[in-house]
N, C-alpha and C. Protein backbone atom coordinates (compact mmCIF):
# COMPACT_ATOMS: atom_id res chain seq x y z
N MET A 1 0.85 -1.18 0.00
CA MET A 1 0.00 0.00 0.00
C MET A 1 0.90 1.25 0.00
N THR A 2 0.53 2.22 -0.80
CA THR A 2 1.34 3.43 -0.91
C THR A 2 1.09 4.37 0.26
N LYS A 3 2.02 5.30 0.44
CA LYS A 3 1.87 6.30 1.50
C LYS A 3 0.63 7.16 1.28
N GLU A 4 0.38 7.46 0.01
CA GLU A 4 -0.80 8.28 -0.31
C GLU A 4 -2.09 7.57 0.08
N ARG A 5 -2.14 6.28 -0.20
CA ARG A 5 -3.33 5.49 0.13
C ARG A 5 -3.50 5.40 1.65
N LEU A 6 -2.41 5.18 2.38
CA LEU A 6 -2.48 5.12 3.84
C LEU A 6 -2.91 6.47 4.42
N ALA A 7 -2.40 7.55 3.85
CA ALA A 7 -2.78 8.88 4.32
C ALA A 7 -4.27 9.12 4.09
N LYS A 8 -4.77 8.68 2.95
CA LYS A 8 -6.20 8.84 2.64
C LYS A 8 -7.06 8.04 3.61
N ILE A 9 -6.64 6.82 3.92
CA ILE A 9 -7.38 5.99 4.87
C ILE A 9 -7.35 6.61 6.26
N ALA A 10 -6.17 7.08 6.69
CA ALA A 10 -6.04 7.71 8.01
C ALA A 10 -6.93 8.95 8.11
N LYS A 11 -6.98 9.73 7.05
CA LYS A 11 -7.82 10.93 7.02
C LYS A 11 -9.30 10.55 7.14
N GLU A 12 -9.71 9.53 6.42
CA GLU A 12 -11.10 9.08 6.47
C GLU A 12 -11.47 8.56 7.87
N VAL A 13 -10.56 7.81 8.48
CA VAL A 13 -10.80 7.31 9.84
C VAL A 13 -10.92 8.48 10.81
N LEU A 14 -10.05 9.47 10.68
CA LEU A 14 -10.12 10.64 11.55
C LEU A 14 -11.45 11.37 11.40
N PHE A 15 -11.91 11.55 10.16
CA PHE A 15 -13.20 12.21 9.94
C PHE A 15 -14.33 11.41 10.57
N TRP A 16 -14.28 10.08 10.48
CA TRP A 16 -15.32 9.25 11.09
C TRP A 16 -15.28 9.34 12.62
N VAL A 17 -14.10 9.37 13.21
CA VAL A 17 -13.99 9.49 14.67
C VAL A 17 -14.61 10.82 15.11
N ILE A 18 -14.24 11.90 14.43
CA ILE A 18 -14.81 13.22 14.75
C ILE A 18 -16.32 13.20 14.58
N THR A 19 -16.77 12.66 13.47
CA THR A 19 -18.21 12.63 13.17
C THR A 19 -18.98 11.81 14.20
N LEU A 20 -18.46 10.65 14.56
CA LEU A 20 -19.16 9.81 15.54
C LEU A 20 -19.20 10.47 16.91
N PHE A 21 -18.12 11.13 17.30
CA PHE A 21 -18.11 11.85 18.58
C PHE A 21 -19.20 12.92 18.59
N VAL A 22 -19.23 13.75 17.54
CA VAL A 22 -20.22 14.82 17.47
C VAL A 22 -21.64 14.23 17.39
N ALA A 23 -21.81 13.17 16.63
CA ALA A 23 -23.13 12.53 16.51
C ALA A 23 -23.62 12.03 17.86
N LEU A 24 -22.74 11.44 18.64
CA LEU A 24 -23.13 10.96 19.97
C LEU A 24 -23.49 12.11 20.90
N VAL A 25 -22.79 13.22 20.77
CA VAL A 25 -23.15 14.42 21.55
C VAL A 25 -24.55 14.87 21.16
N CYS A 26 -24.83 14.90 19.85
CA CYS A 26 -26.18 15.28 19.37
C CYS A 26 -27.24 14.34 19.93
N LEU A 27 -26.98 13.05 19.86
CA LEU A 27 -27.95 12.06 20.33
C LEU A 27 -28.24 12.25 21.81
N ARG A 28 -27.20 12.34 22.62
CA ARG A 28 -27.37 12.48 24.07
C ARG A 28 -28.12 13.78 24.40
N SER A 29 -27.64 14.87 23.83
CA SER A 29 -28.24 16.16 24.12
C SER A 29 -29.68 16.25 23.62
N GLY A 30 -29.92 15.72 22.42
CA GLY A 30 -31.26 15.75 21.87
C GLY A 30 -32.24 14.93 22.68
N LEU A 31 -31.83 13.73 23.08
CA LEU A 31 -32.72 12.87 23.88
C LEU A 31 -33.02 13.47 25.24
N MET A 32 -32.02 14.12 25.84
CA MET A 32 -32.23 14.71 27.16
C MET A 32 -33.22 15.88 27.15
N LYS A 33 -33.47 16.42 25.99
CA LYS A 33 -34.42 17.53 25.89
C LYS A 33 -35.85 17.06 25.59
N MET A 34 -36.01 15.78 25.31
CA MET A 34 -37.32 15.26 24.96
C MET A 34 -38.18 15.00 26.20
N PRO A 35 -39.48 15.27 26.08
CA PRO A 35 -40.38 15.07 27.22
C PRO A 35 -40.37 13.62 27.73
N GLY A 36 -40.30 13.50 29.04
CA GLY A 36 -40.40 12.19 29.68
C GLY A 36 -39.13 11.36 29.71
N LEU A 37 -38.04 11.89 29.18
CA LEU A 37 -36.79 11.13 29.18
C LEU A 37 -35.84 11.65 30.26
N PRO A 38 -34.93 10.79 30.74
CA PRO A 38 -33.99 11.22 31.78
C PRO A 38 -33.18 12.44 31.34
N GLY A 39 -33.00 13.37 32.26
CA GLY A 39 -32.23 14.57 31.97
C GLY A 39 -33.09 15.75 31.58
N GLU A 40 -34.35 15.47 31.31
CA GLU A 40 -35.26 16.53 30.86
C GLU A 40 -35.34 17.67 31.88
N GLN A 41 -35.40 17.33 33.17
CA GLN A 41 -35.56 18.36 34.20
C GLN A 41 -34.41 19.36 34.20
N PHE A 42 -33.20 18.88 33.94
CA PHE A 42 -32.03 19.76 33.84
C PHE A 42 -32.25 20.81 32.77
N TRP A 43 -32.73 20.37 31.60
CA TRP A 43 -32.92 21.29 30.48
C TRP A 43 -34.14 22.18 30.68
N ILE A 44 -35.19 21.65 31.32
CA ILE A 44 -36.35 22.49 31.62
C ILE A 44 -35.91 23.66 32.49
N ARG A 45 -35.14 23.37 33.52
CA ARG A 45 -34.65 24.40 34.43
C ARG A 45 -33.79 25.43 33.70
N ASP A 46 -32.86 24.94 32.86
CA ASP A 46 -31.99 25.87 32.14
C ASP A 46 -32.76 26.75 31.16
N PHE A 47 -33.64 26.17 30.38
CA PHE A 47 -34.40 26.96 29.41
C PHE A 47 -35.29 27.99 30.11
N GLN A 48 -35.82 27.65 31.28
CA GLN A 48 -36.60 28.61 32.06
C GLN A 48 -35.70 29.74 32.55
N ARG A 49 -34.53 29.38 33.06
CA ARG A 49 -33.59 30.37 33.57
C ARG A 49 -33.16 31.34 32.47
N TRP A 50 -33.04 30.83 31.25
CA TRP A 50 -32.65 31.67 30.11
C TRP A 50 -33.84 32.42 29.51
N SER A 51 -35.03 32.21 30.06
CA SER A 51 -36.28 32.85 29.60
C SER A 51 -36.69 32.41 28.19
N TYR A 52 -36.39 31.16 27.85
CA TYR A 52 -36.84 30.59 26.58
C TYR A 52 -38.10 29.78 26.84
N PRO A 53 -39.05 29.78 25.90
CA PRO A 53 -40.27 28.99 26.09
C PRO A 53 -39.96 27.49 26.04
N ASP A 54 -40.79 26.71 26.70
CA ASP A 54 -40.55 25.27 26.79
C ASP A 54 -40.55 24.60 25.43
N TRP A 55 -41.38 25.07 24.50
CA TRP A 55 -41.42 24.46 23.17
C TRP A 55 -40.08 24.60 22.45
N PHE A 56 -39.34 25.67 22.78
CA PHE A 56 -38.05 25.90 22.14
C PHE A 56 -37.04 24.80 22.52
N ARG A 57 -37.12 24.33 23.76
CA ARG A 57 -36.27 23.22 24.21
C ARG A 57 -36.52 21.99 23.33
N ILE A 58 -37.77 21.72 23.04
CA ILE A 58 -38.12 20.55 22.23
C ILE A 58 -37.65 20.74 20.79
N VAL A 59 -37.81 21.95 20.25
CA VAL A 59 -37.33 22.23 18.89
C VAL A 59 -35.82 22.03 18.80
N VAL A 60 -35.09 22.53 19.79
CA VAL A 60 -33.64 22.35 19.80
C VAL A 60 -33.29 20.86 19.89
N GLY A 61 -34.00 20.12 20.73
CA GLY A 61 -33.78 18.68 20.85
C GLY A 61 -34.04 17.95 19.54
N ILE A 62 -35.10 18.33 18.85
CA ILE A 62 -35.41 17.71 17.55
C ILE A 62 -34.31 18.04 16.54
N ALA A 63 -33.85 19.29 16.53
CA ALA A 63 -32.76 19.68 15.62
C ALA A 63 -31.51 18.84 15.90
N GLU A 64 -31.23 18.60 17.17
CA GLU A 64 -30.06 17.79 17.53
C GLU A 64 -30.23 16.34 17.08
N LEU A 65 -31.43 15.81 17.21
CA LEU A 65 -31.67 14.43 16.78
C LEU A 65 -31.62 14.30 15.25
N ILE A 66 -32.12 15.31 14.56
CA ILE A 66 -32.00 15.31 13.09
C ILE A 66 -30.53 15.38 12.70
N SER A 67 -29.77 16.22 13.39
CA SER A 67 -28.33 16.32 13.12
C SER A 67 -27.66 14.97 13.32
N PHE A 68 -28.01 14.28 14.40
CA PHE A 68 -27.45 12.95 14.68
C PHE A 68 -27.64 12.03 13.48
N ALA A 69 -28.88 11.96 12.99
CA ALA A 69 -29.18 11.06 11.86
C ALA A 69 -28.42 11.47 10.60
N LEU A 70 -28.40 12.74 10.29
CA LEU A 70 -27.73 13.20 9.08
C LEU A 70 -26.21 13.00 9.15
N LEU A 71 -25.64 13.17 10.32
CA LEU A 71 -24.19 13.01 10.47
C LEU A 71 -23.72 11.59 10.14
N LEU A 72 -24.59 10.63 10.32
CA LEU A 72 -24.19 9.23 10.11
C LEU A 72 -24.20 8.82 8.64
N VAL A 73 -24.70 9.69 7.75
CA VAL A 73 -24.72 9.41 6.32
C VAL A 73 -23.75 10.38 5.65
N PRO A 74 -22.60 9.90 5.18
CA PRO A 74 -21.59 10.81 4.63
C PRO A 74 -22.13 11.83 3.63
N ARG A 75 -23.06 11.41 2.80
CA ARG A 75 -23.62 12.31 1.79
C ARG A 75 -24.36 13.49 2.41
N PHE A 76 -24.92 13.30 3.60
CA PHE A 76 -25.71 14.33 4.27
C PHE A 76 -25.04 14.89 5.53
N ALA A 77 -23.84 14.42 5.83
CA ALA A 77 -23.16 14.81 7.07
C ALA A 77 -22.93 16.32 7.16
N SER A 78 -22.61 16.96 6.05
CA SER A 78 -22.37 18.40 6.10
C SER A 78 -23.65 19.15 6.48
N TYR A 79 -24.80 18.65 6.04
CA TYR A 79 -26.07 19.28 6.40
C TYR A 79 -26.36 19.09 7.90
N GLY A 80 -26.11 17.88 8.39
CA GLY A 80 -26.29 17.64 9.82
C GLY A 80 -25.37 18.50 10.65
N ALA A 81 -24.12 18.63 10.20
CA ALA A 81 -23.16 19.47 10.91
C ALA A 81 -23.59 20.94 10.88
N ALA A 82 -24.15 21.38 9.77
CA ALA A 82 -24.60 22.77 9.66
C ALA A 82 -25.77 23.04 10.60
N VAL A 83 -26.70 22.10 10.70
CA VAL A 83 -27.84 22.26 11.63
C VAL A 83 -27.32 22.35 13.06
N PHE A 84 -26.42 21.44 13.42
CA PHE A 84 -25.91 21.45 14.80
C PHE A 84 -25.02 22.66 15.05
N ALA A 85 -24.33 23.15 14.02
CA ALA A 85 -23.53 24.37 14.16
C ALA A 85 -24.43 25.55 14.50
N ALA A 86 -25.60 25.61 13.88
CA ALA A 86 -26.56 26.67 14.20
C ALA A 86 -27.00 26.57 15.66
N VAL A 87 -27.24 25.34 16.12
CA VAL A 87 -27.60 25.13 17.53
C VAL A 87 -26.45 25.59 18.43
N MET A 88 -25.21 25.25 18.05
CA MET A 88 -24.05 25.63 18.86
C MET A 88 -23.87 27.14 18.90
N LEU A 89 -24.12 27.82 17.80
CA LEU A 89 -24.03 29.28 17.80
C LEU A 89 -25.05 29.87 18.78
N GLY A 90 -26.24 29.30 18.79
CA GLY A 90 -27.25 29.72 19.76
C GLY A 90 -26.82 29.44 21.19
N ALA A 91 -26.22 28.28 21.41
CA ALA A 91 -25.74 27.92 22.75
C ALA A 91 -24.63 28.87 23.19
N ILE A 92 -23.72 29.17 22.28
CA ILE A 92 -22.62 30.09 22.62
C ILE A 92 -23.17 31.46 22.99
N PHE A 93 -24.12 31.95 22.20
CA PHE A 93 -24.76 33.24 22.50
C PHE A 93 -25.43 33.19 23.87
N THR A 94 -26.20 32.14 24.11
CA THR A 94 -26.93 32.01 25.38
C THR A 94 -25.97 31.98 26.56
N HIS A 95 -24.95 31.14 26.49
CA HIS A 95 -24.01 31.02 27.62
C HIS A 95 -23.24 32.32 27.83
N ALA A 96 -22.85 32.98 26.74
CA ALA A 96 -22.09 34.22 26.86
C ALA A 96 -22.94 35.34 27.47
N THR A 97 -24.21 35.41 27.09
CA THR A 97 -25.08 36.49 27.60
C THR A 97 -25.62 36.21 29.00
N HIS A 98 -25.42 34.98 29.49
CA HIS A 98 -25.87 34.64 30.84
C HIS A 98 -24.68 34.35 31.76
N ASN A 99 -23.52 34.83 31.36
CA ASN A 99 -22.29 34.71 32.17
C ASN A 99 -21.97 33.27 32.55
N GLU A 100 -22.21 32.35 31.64
CA GLU A 100 -21.90 30.94 31.87
C GLU A 100 -20.64 30.57 31.06
N PHE A 101 -19.58 31.27 31.36
CA PHE A 101 -18.36 31.14 30.57
C PHE A 101 -17.70 29.78 30.68
N GLY A 102 -17.96 29.06 31.76
CA GLY A 102 -17.41 27.72 31.93
C GLY A 102 -17.97 26.71 30.93
N ARG A 103 -19.12 27.02 30.35
CA ARG A 103 -19.74 26.11 29.38
C ARG A 103 -19.27 26.39 27.94
N LEU A 104 -18.62 27.52 27.73
CA LEU A 104 -18.23 27.92 26.38
C LEU A 104 -17.13 27.06 25.74
N PRO A 105 -16.10 26.64 26.47
CA PRO A 105 -15.03 25.88 25.78
C PRO A 105 -15.53 24.65 25.04
N PHE A 106 -16.44 23.89 25.64
CA PHE A 106 -16.96 22.70 24.97
C PHE A 106 -17.78 23.09 23.75
N ASN A 107 -18.55 24.17 23.85
CA ASN A 107 -19.33 24.65 22.70
C ASN A 107 -18.41 25.06 21.55
N PHE A 108 -17.33 25.75 21.88
CA PHE A 108 -16.38 26.16 20.84
C PHE A 108 -15.66 24.95 20.22
N LEU A 109 -15.35 23.95 21.05
CA LEU A 109 -14.75 22.72 20.52
C LEU A 109 -15.71 22.04 19.55
N LEU A 110 -16.95 21.91 19.95
CA LEU A 110 -17.94 21.31 19.06
C LEU A 110 -18.09 22.10 17.76
N LEU A 111 -18.11 23.42 17.87
CA LEU A 111 -18.24 24.25 16.67
C LEU A 111 -17.06 24.04 15.74
N ALA A 112 -15.86 23.95 16.28
CA ALA A 112 -14.67 23.71 15.45
C ALA A 112 -14.76 22.34 14.77
N LEU A 113 -15.20 21.32 15.51
CA LEU A 113 -15.35 19.99 14.91
C LEU A 113 -16.43 19.99 13.84
N LEU A 114 -17.50 20.73 14.07
CA LEU A 114 -18.57 20.82 13.09
C LEU A 114 -18.10 21.50 11.80
N LEU A 115 -17.30 22.53 11.93
CA LEU A 115 -16.76 23.19 10.75
C LEU A 115 -15.84 22.26 9.97
N THR A 116 -15.11 21.42 10.69
CA THR A 116 -14.26 20.40 10.05
C THR A 116 -15.12 19.43 9.24
N ILE A 117 -16.22 18.98 9.84
CA ILE A 117 -17.12 18.06 9.15
C ILE A 117 -17.76 18.73 7.93
N ILE A 118 -18.20 19.97 8.11
CA ILE A 118 -18.83 20.68 6.99
C ILE A 118 -17.86 20.77 5.81
N PHE A 119 -16.62 21.09 6.10
CA PHE A 119 -15.63 21.21 5.02
C PHE A 119 -15.29 19.84 4.43
N ALA A 120 -15.08 18.85 5.28
CA ALA A 120 -14.66 17.53 4.81
C ALA A 120 -15.76 16.81 4.05
N ARG A 121 -16.99 17.00 4.45
CA ARG A 121 -18.12 16.28 3.84
C ARG A 121 -19.00 17.19 3.00
N ARG A 122 -18.46 18.32 2.58
CA ARG A 122 -19.28 19.24 1.80
C ARG A 122 -19.87 18.53 0.59
N PRO A 123 -21.04 18.96 0.17
CA PRO A 123 -21.70 18.30 -0.96
C PRO A 123 -20.82 18.29 -2.21
N ILE A 124 -21.01 17.27 -3.00
CA ILE A 124 -20.21 17.07 -4.21
C ILE A 124 -20.28 18.28 -5.13
N PHE A 125 -21.46 18.91 -5.25
CA PHE A 125 -21.56 20.04 -6.18
C PHE A 125 -20.64 21.19 -5.75
N LEU A 126 -20.40 21.36 -4.44
CA LEU A 126 -19.47 22.39 -3.99
C LEU A 126 -18.03 22.00 -4.31
N LYS A 127 -17.72 20.71 -4.25
CA LYS A 127 -16.38 20.26 -4.60
C LYS A 127 -16.13 20.51 -6.07
N ARG A 128 -17.13 20.28 -6.92
CA ARG A 128 -16.97 20.50 -8.36
C ARG A 128 -16.76 21.97 -8.67
N ILE A 129 -17.52 22.83 -8.01
CA ILE A 129 -17.38 24.28 -8.23
C ILE A 129 -15.96 24.71 -7.88
N ARG A 130 -15.45 24.21 -6.77
CA ARG A 130 -14.11 24.55 -6.32
C ARG A 130 -13.06 24.10 -7.33
N LYS A 131 -13.22 22.91 -7.88
CA LYS A 131 -12.26 22.38 -8.86
C LYS A 131 -12.29 23.15 -10.17
N GLU A 132 -13.47 23.65 -10.56
CA GLU A 132 -13.60 24.39 -11.80
C GLU A 132 -12.97 25.77 -11.73
N ASN A 133 -12.90 26.35 -10.56
CA ASN A 133 -12.36 27.72 -10.41
C ASN A 133 -10.89 27.71 -10.16
């Protein structure tokens, strides 16, 4: 096997490790926001403290679960990462405006990983446009 082939395989494995980590974060966080599931009370309290309506917690949870599903399909992973990146931007704004600076590093880490996924798994039509220019 050539060095180029090994490098390509290593790169693909790294992207999958990053993607699976982020997908599991989406799954856990999304499920914890769903009614009647463990962890829900934590999120109910936080969303109330931030003055967000309860339905918004469920919408965010659904967005996270959709992101989880999309991340697992390479063809749609960039879309899943983009949805979760939007959630992370909202989380960063919320934590920053409520002086919850201790929660920001993990949000920024997730955002960086999501940008990596978006770039690595960008749709084929964007790759073609880039090659043509």
